[in-house]
Protein backbone atom coordinates (compact mmCIF):
# COMPACT_ATOMS: atom_id res chain seq x y z
CA UNK A 1 118.12 141.17 147.55
CA UNK A 2 120.34 138.42 146.75
CA UNK A 3 116.95 136.63 147.01
CA UNK A 4 115.24 139.04 145.01
CA UNK A 5 117.65 138.98 142.30
CA UNK A 6 118.28 135.21 141.43
CA UNK A 7 117.34 132.39 139.73
CA UNK A 8 114.72 131.24 141.93
CA UNK A 9 111.32 130.18 141.00
CA UNK A 10 109.39 132.39 142.93
CA UNK A 11 110.13 134.64 146.65
CA UNK A 12 108.34 133.00 149.51
CA UNK A 13 106.55 136.11 150.57
CA UNK A 14 103.04 136.95 150.20
CA UNK A 15 103.42 140.46 150.75
CA UNK A 16 106.06 141.26 148.48
CA UNK A 17 103.91 139.09 145.53
CA UNK A 18 101.13 140.76 146.86
CA UNK A 19 102.47 144.64 145.41
CA UNK A 20 103.80 142.75 142.51
CA UNK A 21 107.50 141.40 142.73
CA UNK A 22 107.76 138.38 140.84
CA UNK A 23 106.02 140.91 138.21
CA UNK A 24 109.13 143.50 139.52
CA UNK A 25 111.92 140.32 138.49
CA UNK A 26 109.95 139.16 135.24
CA UNK A 27 110.43 142.78 134.11
CA UNK A 28 113.99 143.01 134.91
CA UNK A 29 114.92 139.83 133.53
CA UNK A 30 113.65 140.15 130.22
CA UNK A 31 115.41 143.60 130.47
CA UNK A 32 118.47 142.15 130.72
CA UNK A 33 118.29 139.24 127.74
CA UNK A 34 117.37 142.30 125.79
CA UNK A 35 120.34 144.01 126.64
CA UNK A 36 122.31 141.20 125.98
CA UNK A 37 120.41 140.83 122.78
CA UNK A 38 121.47 143.92 121.71
CA UNK A 39 125.11 143.24 122.83
CA UNK A 40 125.18 139.68 121.10
CA UNK A 41 123.35 139.12 118.06
CA UNK A 42 122.69 141.90 114.97
CA UNK A 43 121.40 139.47 113.05
CA UNK A 44 119.45 136.44 113.12
CA UNK A 45 119.71 133.43 111.76
CA UNK A 46 116.27 131.70 110.18
CA UNK A 47 116.53 129.18 112.65
CA UNK A 48 117.59 131.04 115.58
CA UNK A 49 114.08 133.24 114.73
CA UNK A 50 112.19 130.48 115.05
CA UNK A 51 113.33 129.29 118.18
CA UNK A 52 112.47 132.84 119.01
CA UNK A 53 108.72 133.18 118.01
CA UNK A 54 107.50 129.54 118.84
CA UNK A 55 109.76 128.57 121.60
CA UNK A 56 111.15 125.44 119.70
CA UNK A 57 112.62 123.71 116.86
CA UNK A 58 112.44 120.49 115.48
CA UNK A 59 114.95 119.79 112.72
CA UNK A 60 115.18 116.05 111.24
CA UNK A 61 118.20 114.61 109.89
CA UNK A 62 120.41 116.80 112.15
CA UNK A 63 123.09 114.58 112.38
CA UNK A 64 124.69 112.80 109.04
CA UNK A 65 123.93 109.23 108.80
CA UNK A 66 127.54 108.27 110.25
CA UNK A 67 127.51 110.84 112.73
CA UNK A 68 124.07 109.48 114.01
CA UNK A 69 124.86 106.13 114.28
CA UNK A 70 128.41 107.04 116.12
CA UNK A 71 125.81 108.83 119.00
CA UNK A 72 123.09 105.89 118.48
CA UNK A 73 126.33 103.47 119.00
CA UNK A 74 127.77 105.66 122.39
CA UNK A 75 123.58 105.64 123.77
CA UNK A 76 123.66 102.24 123.29
CA UNK A 77 127.17 101.55 124.54
CA UNK A 78 127.08 104.09 127.18
CA UNK A 79 128.47 101.77 130.65
CA UNK A 80 131.32 101.60 128.07
CA UNK A 81 132.47 105.25 129.06
CA UNK A 82 132.63 106.51 132.80
CA UNK A 83 129.08 108.12 133.82
CA UNK A 84 127.29 108.21 136.95
CA UNK A 85 124.05 106.69 136.45
CA UNK A 86 120.60 107.53 138.35
CA UNK A 87 117.00 106.57 138.52
CA UNK A 88 114.14 108.09 138.72
CA UNK A 89 110.79 107.24 139.96
CA UNK A 90 107.84 109.98 138.14
CA UNK A 91 104.21 109.60 138.64
CA UNK A 92 103.58 106.43 136.11
CA UNK A 93 107.46 106.60 134.79
CA UNK A 94 111.03 105.54 135.88
CA UNK A 95 113.59 107.18 134.26
CA UNK A 96 116.95 106.02 134.06
CA UNK A 97 119.81 107.99 133.49
CA UNK A 98 123.75 108.30 132.52
CA UNK A 99 124.95 111.43 133.40
CA UNK A 100 128.25 112.73 131.71
CA UNK A 101 129.99 115.93 132.52
CA UNK A 102 131.97 118.03 129.92
CA UNK A 103 135.65 116.35 130.98
CA UNK A 104 133.51 112.80 130.30
CA UNK A 105 131.58 113.20 127.29
CA UNK A 106 134.74 115.31 125.56
CA UNK A 107 135.54 111.78 124.93
CA UNK A 108 132.65 110.55 123.18
CA UNK A 109 133.31 111.06 119.56
CA UNK A 110 129.77 110.89 118.35
CA UNK A 111 128.18 112.77 121.01
CA UNK A 112 131.69 115.83 121.76
CA UNK A 113 130.35 116.42 117.74
CA UNK A 114 126.66 116.35 118.19
CA UNK A 115 127.19 119.15 121.20
CA UNK A 116 129.89 121.20 119.28
CA UNK A 117 127.80 121.24 116.49
CA UNK A 118 127.62 124.61 115.36
CA UNK A 119 123.68 125.33 114.49
CA UNK A 120 123.08 123.74 117.99
CA UNK A 121 125.59 126.24 119.69
CA UNK A 122 123.73 128.49 117.94
CA UNK A 123 120.60 127.64 118.86
CA UNK A 124 121.14 127.71 122.50
CA UNK A 125 123.03 130.65 122.56
CA UNK A 126 119.95 132.97 120.32
CA UNK A 127 117.60 130.58 122.97
CA UNK A 128 119.87 132.26 126.08
CA UNK A 129 120.81 135.50 125.08
CA UNK A 130 124.54 134.88 125.38
CA UNK A 131 127.32 132.17 125.15
CA UNK A 132 127.22 129.41 127.73
CA UNK A 133 128.48 125.86 128.11
CA UNK A 134 127.21 122.63 127.91
CA UNK A 135 128.50 121.43 131.00
CA UNK A 136 126.91 117.85 130.92
CA UNK A 137 124.95 116.23 129.17
CA UNK A 138 122.06 113.24 129.98
CA UNK A 139 121.46 109.39 128.72
CA UNK A 140 118.21 109.38 129.27
CA UNK A 141 115.70 106.01 128.88
CA UNK A 142 112.01 106.99 130.49
CA UNK A 143 110.02 103.22 130.27
CA UNK A 144 106.18 102.92 132.05
CA UNK A 145 106.28 99.59 133.53
CA UNK A 146 102.80 97.65 133.69
CA UNK A 147 103.02 97.84 137.84
CA UNK A 148 103.04 101.76 137.86
CA UNK A 149 99.96 101.95 135.67
CA UNK A 150 97.27 99.15 138.08
CA UNK A 151 96.29 101.68 140.28
CA UNK A 152 96.09 105.17 140.74
CA UNK A 153 99.36 106.99 141.01
CA UNK A 154 99.79 110.39 142.04
CA UNK A 155 100.59 112.92 138.94
CA UNK A 156 104.21 114.55 138.80
CA UNK A 157 104.95 118.11 137.93
CA UNK A 158 105.50 116.49 133.46
CA UNK A 159 102.80 115.21 133.54
CA UNK A 160 100.77 118.56 133.91
CA UNK A 161 101.24 121.56 131.87
CA UNK A 162 103.83 123.62 133.27
CA UNK A 163 106.61 126.58 132.41
CA UNK A 164 109.45 125.42 134.40
CA UNK A 165 110.71 129.09 135.37
CA UNK A 166 110.15 132.40 135.13
CA UNK A 167 113.35 133.72 132.15
CA UNK A 168 113.90 131.78 129.19
CA UNK A 169 115.57 128.95 129.60
CA UNK A 170 116.55 126.20 127.08
CA UNK A 171 116.08 122.61 126.37
CA UNK A 172 117.87 120.03 124.10
CA UNK A 173 116.33 116.63 122.99
CA UNK A 174 118.42 114.78 120.41
CA UNK A 175 116.10 111.71 119.48
CA UNK A 176 118.38 108.60 118.50
CA UNK A 177 115.05 106.15 118.32
CA UNK A 178 111.96 107.12 116.95
CA UNK A 179 109.27 108.67 119.16
CA UNK A 180 105.37 107.76 118.67
CA UNK A 181 102.78 109.11 120.51
CA UNK A 182 101.81 106.21 122.70
CA UNK A 183 105.34 106.86 123.63
CA UNK A 184 104.29 109.56 126.09
CA UNK A 185 106.29 112.16 123.54
CA UNK A 186 106.69 116.20 124.56
CA UNK A 187 103.39 118.37 124.63
CA UNK A 188 104.71 121.93 124.22
CA UNK A 189 102.89 124.99 123.57
CA UNK A 190 104.16 126.71 120.61
CA UNK A 191 104.29 130.69 121.33
CA UNK A 192 103.20 130.60 125.42
CA UNK A 193 107.16 131.82 126.28
CA UNK A 194 106.02 135.26 125.07
CA UNK A 195 104.70 137.19 128.54
CA UNK A 196 101.55 138.83 127.17
CA UNK A 197 99.14 140.63 129.26
CA UNK A 198 97.17 137.21 130.20
CA UNK A 199 100.49 135.95 130.94
CA UNK A 200 101.78 138.30 133.22
CA UNK A 201 98.05 138.46 135.60
CA UNK A 202 98.76 134.31 136.06
CA UNK A 203 101.93 134.61 137.02
CA UNK A 204 100.93 137.88 139.39
CA UNK A 205 98.13 135.33 140.53
CA UNK A 206 100.56 132.17 140.84
CA UNK A 207 103.20 133.83 142.30
CA UNK A 208 100.36 135.03 145.74
CA UNK A 209 99.08 131.19 145.60
CA UNK A 210 102.32 130.31 145.75
CA UNK A 211 103.88 132.48 148.73
CA UNK A 212 101.58 130.71 150.83
CA UNK A 213 102.85 126.88 150.40
CA UNK A 214 105.88 124.76 150.18
CA UNK A 215 104.39 122.52 147.33
CA UNK A 216 106.01 122.12 144.03
CA UNK A 217 106.74 125.82 142.49
CA UNK A 218 106.39 125.10 138.87
CA UNK A 219 103.81 127.32 137.41
CA UNK A 220 101.10 124.95 136.96
CA UNK A 221 98.00 125.27 134.90
CA UNK A 222 94.55 123.87 134.58
CA UNK A 223 92.17 123.25 131.90
CA UNK A 224 90.09 126.84 132.38
CA UNK A 225 93.82 128.00 133.29
CA UNK A 226 94.52 126.78 129.40
CA UNK A 227 91.56 128.57 127.82
CA UNK A 228 92.35 131.83 129.54
CA UNK A 229 95.99 132.13 127.95
CA UNK A 230 94.53 130.84 124.87
CA UNK A 231 97.27 127.43 124.90
CA UNK A 232 97.72 125.60 121.46
CA UNK A 233 99.32 121.98 121.42
CA UNK A 234 101.67 119.34 119.34
CA UNK A 235 103.70 117.04 119.87
CA UNK A 236 106.82 115.82 118.80
CA UNK A 237 105.90 112.92 117.55
CA UNK A 238 109.64 112.57 115.54
CA UNK A 239 111.99 110.09 113.54
CA UNK A 240 115.11 108.88 114.70
CA UNK A 241 118.08 111.86 114.23
CA UNK A 242 115.63 114.63 114.82
CA UNK A 243 117.24 117.34 116.92
CA UNK A 244 114.14 119.02 119.59
CA UNK A 245 115.37 122.32 121.05
CA UNK A 246 112.87 124.66 123.13
CA UNK A 247 111.80 127.14 125.93
CA UNK A 248 110.91 126.16 129.05
CA UNK A 249 109.60 129.26 129.60
CA UNK A 250 106.88 127.79 127.60
CA UNK A 251 104.62 125.98 128.42
CA UNK A 252 104.80 122.15 128.10
CA UNK A 253 104.03 118.53 129.27
CA UNK A 254 105.71 115.18 129.23
CA UNK A 255 102.59 113.49 126.91
CA UNK A 256 100.91 110.31 127.44
CA UNK A 257 102.38 106.68 126.78
CA UNK A 258 100.73 102.95 126.74
CA UNK A 259 102.01 100.42 129.26
CA UNK A 260 105.50 99.53 128.02
CA UNK A 261 106.22 101.81 126.44
CA UNK A 262 110.14 103.56 126.02
CA UNK A 263 111.46 105.97 124.70
CA UNK A 264 114.91 106.88 124.45
CA UNK A 265 116.52 111.21 124.32
CA UNK A 266 120.22 112.45 124.82
CA UNK A 267 119.18 115.81 126.35
CA UNK A 268 121.26 118.45 128.36
CA UNK A 269 119.82 122.15 129.55
CA UNK A 270 120.72 125.21 131.03
CA UNK A 271 119.71 127.64 133.88
CA UNK A 272 121.99 130.17 134.54
CA UNK A 273 120.94 133.74 136.31
CA UNK A 274 119.01 135.92 134.64
CA UNK A 275 119.67 138.80 136.20
CA UNK A 276 123.24 139.34 134.51
CA UNK A 277 124.95 141.93 131.29
CA UNK A 278 127.27 139.48 130.58
CA UNK A 279 127.16 138.05 127.66
CA UNK A 280 129.59 134.55 128.14
CA UNK A 281 129.63 132.29 130.79
CA UNK A 282 132.70 130.51 131.40
CA UNK A 283 133.23 126.72 132.04
CA UNK A 284 135.46 125.33 134.75
CA UNK A 285 136.60 122.94 132.44
CA UNK A 286 138.74 123.18 129.50
CA UNK A 287 137.71 121.49 125.83
């Protein structure tokens, strides 16, 4: 039962899913979300309502000019701060990442101020329906070198329209530079995080299909399924100093970029077990 009541995307059992186990998990996790919400939120702000309704919110000029310059300077000089570097080759892109845990980013004045911003925290809490700590943050630079585009490449999960998980899961993007259409911006389907009958049917069918394979377990949708769900699309083409908070339960994908494009983002995300009535997750690290 531990596997069933866990945050795993799908349970790899054909017969369980045939009899509706995956849909049962969705219904129960949504019930827990609703109960936590009733305990924690008596009233939502307009920004919180937008995130709940659309599954995404864009806030331009999020920080003051001084705060923005501080975060941008830390991003550009991230090697001056203790962190962990990694590189991910995914489809036609290369992700250069520097990760900072809570104790590390708390000594970075600009980043600390961004991540402790009350407007941001209120959006995260409303999206997760509980108070959660920001355990880590990533400084990401995503580039599209010509050598990765010269021939055919295997499409990565992020390039395909997909949903991350079967329960609300918040992602935060703060952009220190402008993002143009040619930079491969986030593509997002507003409102697609709501469980309509069509979405539940697709979840049911996909859970059975994925029970038979050990391949990637993201909920991908093709053009026919996109039409079936009546998905719309918006792009995160934004100016510098824009905050984007989104729900990974909604359908989204990485945009199409031109060769030589590059974009940068301060990123964090949350993935806590949905089968819990606790309204607060305690961080193991103090501020």
